[in-house]
């Protein structure tokens, strides 16, 4: 029997998955990433986790979301939906650029957030 996740658990899931995605493409050019299915799938799964955890935060912790408007909660959920529902049309360049540019900032933002739920 699993316990229900709390806000710090979801924040930890996002932080961990984002950090993993960053490490998975560290040192890889886009061309290398484009030709490495295993890394693509690992990174995409990380984005799904980020989006799913952020969706749970948006649904269950609206006050927290409102208190941290600089964190792209809705955009993370939207990216998850695009990846999951449009799996056959995933733009790998957008995935790669998201991981390279947006996720490091997200990791920084999450590291500075205090949550005690």
C-alpha atoms as a PDB file:
ATOM      1  CA  UNK A   1       0.000   0.000   0.000  1.00  0.00           C
ATOM      2  CA  UNK A   2       1.546   3.306  -1.050  1.00  0.00           C
ATOM      3  CA  UNK A   3       1.059   6.516   0.828  1.00  0.00           C
ATOM      4  CA  UNK A   4      -0.390   9.572  -0.838  1.00  0.00           C
ATOM      5  CA  UNK A   5       2.253  11.956  -2.074  1.00  0.00           C
ATOM      6  CA  UNK A   6       2.669  15.336  -0.454  1.00  0.00           C
ATOM      7  CA  UNK A   7       3.754  18.610  -1.996  1.00  0.00           C
ATOM      8  CA  UNK A   8       7.453  18.101  -1.135  1.00  0.00           C
ATOM      9  CA  UNK A   9       7.305  14.714  -2.870  1.00  0.00           C
ATOM     10  CA  UNK A  10       6.014  16.270  -6.088  1.00  0.00           C
ATOM     11  CA  UNK A  11       8.619  19.039  -5.940  1.00  0.00           C
ATOM     12  CA  UNK A  12      11.280  16.366  -5.419  1.00  0.00           C
ATOM     13  CA  UNK A  13       9.972  14.358  -8.363  1.00  0.00           C
ATOM     14  CA  UNK A  14      10.164  17.409 -10.632  1.00  0.00           C
ATOM     15  CA  UNK A  15      13.633  18.336  -9.402  1.00  0.00           C
ATOM     16  CA  UNK A  16      14.928  14.776  -9.801  1.00  0.00           C
ATOM     17  CA  UNK A  17      13.456  14.211 -13.266  1.00  0.00           C
ATOM     18  CA  UNK A  18      14.636  17.601 -14.540  1.00  0.00           C
ATOM     19  CA  UNK A  19      18.129  16.983 -13.167  1.00  0.00           C
ATOM     20  CA  UNK A  20      18.195  13.537 -14.765  1.00  0.00           C
ATOM     21  CA  UNK A  21      17.154  14.912 -18.167  1.00  0.00           C
ATOM     22  CA  UNK A  22      19.896  17.530 -17.977  1.00  0.00           C
ATOM     23  CA  UNK A  23      22.502  14.909 -17.106  1.00  0.00           C
ATOM     24  CA  UNK A  24      21.311  12.557 -19.867  1.00  0.00           C
ATOM     25  CA  UNK A  25      22.120  15.084 -22.599  1.00  0.00           C
ATOM     26  CA  UNK A  26      25.154  16.639 -20.967  1.00  0.00           C
ATOM     27  CA  UNK A  27      27.921  16.807 -23.549  1.00  0.00           C
ATOM     28  CA  UNK A  28      25.665  15.596 -26.389  1.00  0.00           C
ATOM     29  CA  UNK A  29      25.163  17.613 -29.529  1.00  0.00           C
ATOM     30  CA  UNK A  30      21.674  17.749 -30.950  1.00  0.00           C
ATOM     31  CA  UNK A  31      22.805  15.458 -33.774  1.00  0.00           C
ATOM     32  CA  UNK A  32      23.987  12.840 -31.299  1.00  0.00           C
ATOM     33  CA  UNK A  33      20.754  13.144 -29.316  1.00  0.00           C
ATOM     34  CA  UNK A  34      18.716  12.871 -32.513  1.00  0.00           C
ATOM     35  CA  UNK A  35      20.374   9.546 -33.308  1.00  0.00           C
ATOM     36  CA  UNK A  36      20.205   8.076 -29.796  1.00  0.00           C
ATOM     37  CA  UNK A  37      16.751   6.559 -29.241  1.00  0.00           C
ATOM     38  CA  UNK A  38      17.536   5.358 -25.758  1.00  0.00           C
ATOM     39  CA  UNK A  39      18.504   8.838 -24.570  1.00  0.00           C
ATOM     40  CA  UNK A  40      15.525  10.384 -26.352  1.00  0.00           C
ATOM     41  CA  UNK A  41      13.130   8.064 -24.561  1.00  0.00           C
ATOM     42  CA  UNK A  42      14.806   8.588 -21.202  1.00  0.00           C
ATOM     43  CA  UNK A  43      14.623  12.370 -21.585  1.00  0.00           C
ATOM     44  CA  UNK A  44      11.019  12.251 -22.785  1.00  0.00           C
ATOM     45  CA  UNK A  45      10.069  10.119 -19.779  1.00  0.00           C
ATOM     46  CA  UNK A  46      11.678  12.716 -17.537  1.00  0.00           C
ATOM     47  CA  UNK A  47       9.566  15.421 -19.184  1.00  0.00           C
ATOM     48  CA  UNK A  48       6.450  13.321 -18.617  1.00  0.00           C
ATOM     49  CA  UNK A  49       7.310  13.009 -14.920  1.00  0.00           C
ATOM     50  CA  UNK A  50       7.951  16.756 -14.649  1.00  0.00           C
ATOM     51  CA  UNK A  51       4.619  17.495 -16.303  1.00  0.00           C
ATOM     52  CA  UNK A  52       2.615  14.954 -14.341  1.00  0.00           C
ATOM     53  CA  UNK A  53       3.999  16.101 -10.994  1.00  0.00           C
ATOM     54  CA  UNK A  54       3.359  19.738 -11.890  1.00  0.00           C
ATOM     55  CA  UNK A  55      -0.216  18.851 -12.895  1.00  0.00           C
ATOM     56  CA  UNK A  56      -0.757  17.286  -9.475  1.00  0.00           C
ATOM     57  CA  UNK A  57       0.631  20.400  -7.794  1.00  0.00           C
ATOM     58  CA  UNK A  58      -1.661  22.631  -9.865  1.00  0.00           C
ATOM     59  CA  UNK A  59      -4.684  20.454  -9.006  1.00  0.00           C
ATOM     60  CA  UNK A  60      -3.983  19.963  -5.299  1.00  0.00           C
ATOM     61  CA  UNK A  61      -1.919  22.942  -4.149  1.00  0.00           C
ATOM     62  CA  UNK A  62      -3.279  26.050  -5.876  1.00  0.00           C
ATOM     63  CA  UNK A  63      -2.126  28.385  -3.085  1.00  0.00           C
ATOM     64  CA  UNK A  64       1.420  27.124  -3.535  1.00  0.00           C
ATOM     65  CA  UNK A  65       1.221  27.614  -7.309  1.00  0.00           C
ATOM     66  CA  UNK A  66      -0.058  31.174  -6.782  1.00  0.00           C
ATOM     67  CA  UNK A  67       2.773  31.867  -4.333  1.00  0.00           C
ATOM     68  CA  UNK A  68       5.352  30.824  -6.956  1.00  0.00           C
ATOM     69  CA  UNK A  69       4.183  32.405 -10.218  1.00  0.00           C
ATOM     70  CA  UNK A  70       7.638  32.431 -11.811  1.00  0.00           C
ATOM     71  CA  UNK A  71       7.650  28.624 -11.956  1.00  0.00           C
ATOM     72  CA  UNK A  72       6.050  27.515 -15.253  1.00  0.00           C
ATOM     73  CA  UNK A  73       3.543  25.080 -13.674  1.00  0.00           C
ATOM     74  CA  UNK A  74       0.996  25.184 -16.490  1.00  0.00           C
ATOM     75  CA  UNK A  75       3.623  25.069 -19.218  1.00  0.00           C
ATOM     76  CA  UNK A  76       5.177  21.941 -17.696  1.00  0.00           C
ATOM     77  CA  UNK A  77       1.774  20.278 -17.641  1.00  0.00           C
ATOM     78  CA  UNK A  78       1.154  21.417 -21.223  1.00  0.00           C
ATOM     79  CA  UNK A  79       4.459  19.976 -22.424  1.00  0.00           C
ATOM     80  CA  UNK A  80       3.594  16.667 -20.784  1.00  0.00           C
ATOM     81  CA  UNK A  81       0.252  16.612 -22.587  1.00  0.00           C
ATOM     82  CA  UNK A  82       1.882  17.370 -25.932  1.00  0.00           C
ATOM     83  CA  UNK A  83       4.469  14.632 -25.445  1.00  0.00           C
ATOM     84  CA  UNK A  84       1.999  12.004 -24.252  1.00  0.00           C
ATOM     85  CA  UNK A  85      -0.828  12.702 -26.672  1.00  0.00           C
ATOM     86  CA  UNK A  86       1.342  13.639 -29.636  1.00  0.00           C
ATOM     87  CA  UNK A  87       3.970  10.957 -29.120  1.00  0.00           C
ATOM     88  CA  UNK A  88       4.240  10.277 -32.835  1.00  0.00           C
ATOM     89  CA  UNK A  89       4.974  13.918 -33.655  1.00  0.00           C
ATOM     90  CA  UNK A  90       7.499  14.848 -30.971  1.00  0.00           C
ATOM     91  CA  UNK A  91       9.868  17.543 -32.149  1.00  0.00           C
ATOM     92  CA  UNK A  92      13.231  16.366 -30.831  1.00  0.00           C
ATOM     93  CA  UNK A  93      14.813  19.759 -31.340  1.00  0.00           C
ATOM     94  CA  UNK A  94      12.240  21.338 -29.009  1.00  0.00           C
ATOM     95  CA  UNK A  95      12.826  18.562 -26.469  1.00  0.00           C
ATOM     96  CA  UNK A  96      16.586  19.058 -26.654  1.00  0.00           C
ATOM     97  CA  UNK A  97      16.387  22.858 -26.392  1.00  0.00           C
ATOM     98  CA  UNK A  98      13.893  22.644 -23.520  1.00  0.00           C
ATOM     99  CA  UNK A  99      16.238  20.428 -21.555  1.00  0.00           C
ATOM    100  CA  UNK A 100      19.258  22.611 -22.335  1.00  0.00           C
ATOM    101  CA  UNK A 101      17.667  25.991 -21.674  1.00  0.00           C
ATOM    102  CA  UNK A 102      14.526  25.698 -19.527  1.00  0.00           C
ATOM    103  CA  UNK A 103      15.299  22.823 -17.179  1.00  0.00           C
ATOM    104  CA  UNK A 104      18.468  24.275 -15.604  1.00  0.00           C
ATOM    105  CA  UNK A 105      16.468  27.370 -14.638  1.00  0.00           C
ATOM    106  CA  UNK A 106      13.659  25.190 -13.300  1.00  0.00           C
ATOM    107  CA  UNK A 107      16.103  23.201 -11.164  1.00  0.00           C
ATOM    108  CA  UNK A 108      17.437  26.483  -9.752  1.00  0.00           C
ATOM    109  CA  UNK A 109      13.928  27.746  -9.012  1.00  0.00           C
ATOM    110  CA  UNK A 110      12.923  24.536  -7.258  1.00  0.00           C
ATOM    111  CA  UNK A 111      16.084  24.500  -5.152  1.00  0.00           C
ATOM    112  CA  UNK A 112      15.126  27.892  -3.718  1.00  0.00           C
ATOM    113  CA  UNK A 113      11.519  26.953  -2.876  1.00  0.00           C
ATOM    114  CA  UNK A 114      10.575  26.037   0.661  1.00  0.00           C
ATOM    115  CA  UNK A 115       7.583  23.745   1.040  1.00  0.00           C
ATOM    116  CA  UNK A 116       6.446  22.101   4.239  1.00  0.00           C
ATOM    117  CA  UNK A 117       3.131  20.552   3.285  1.00  0.00           C
END
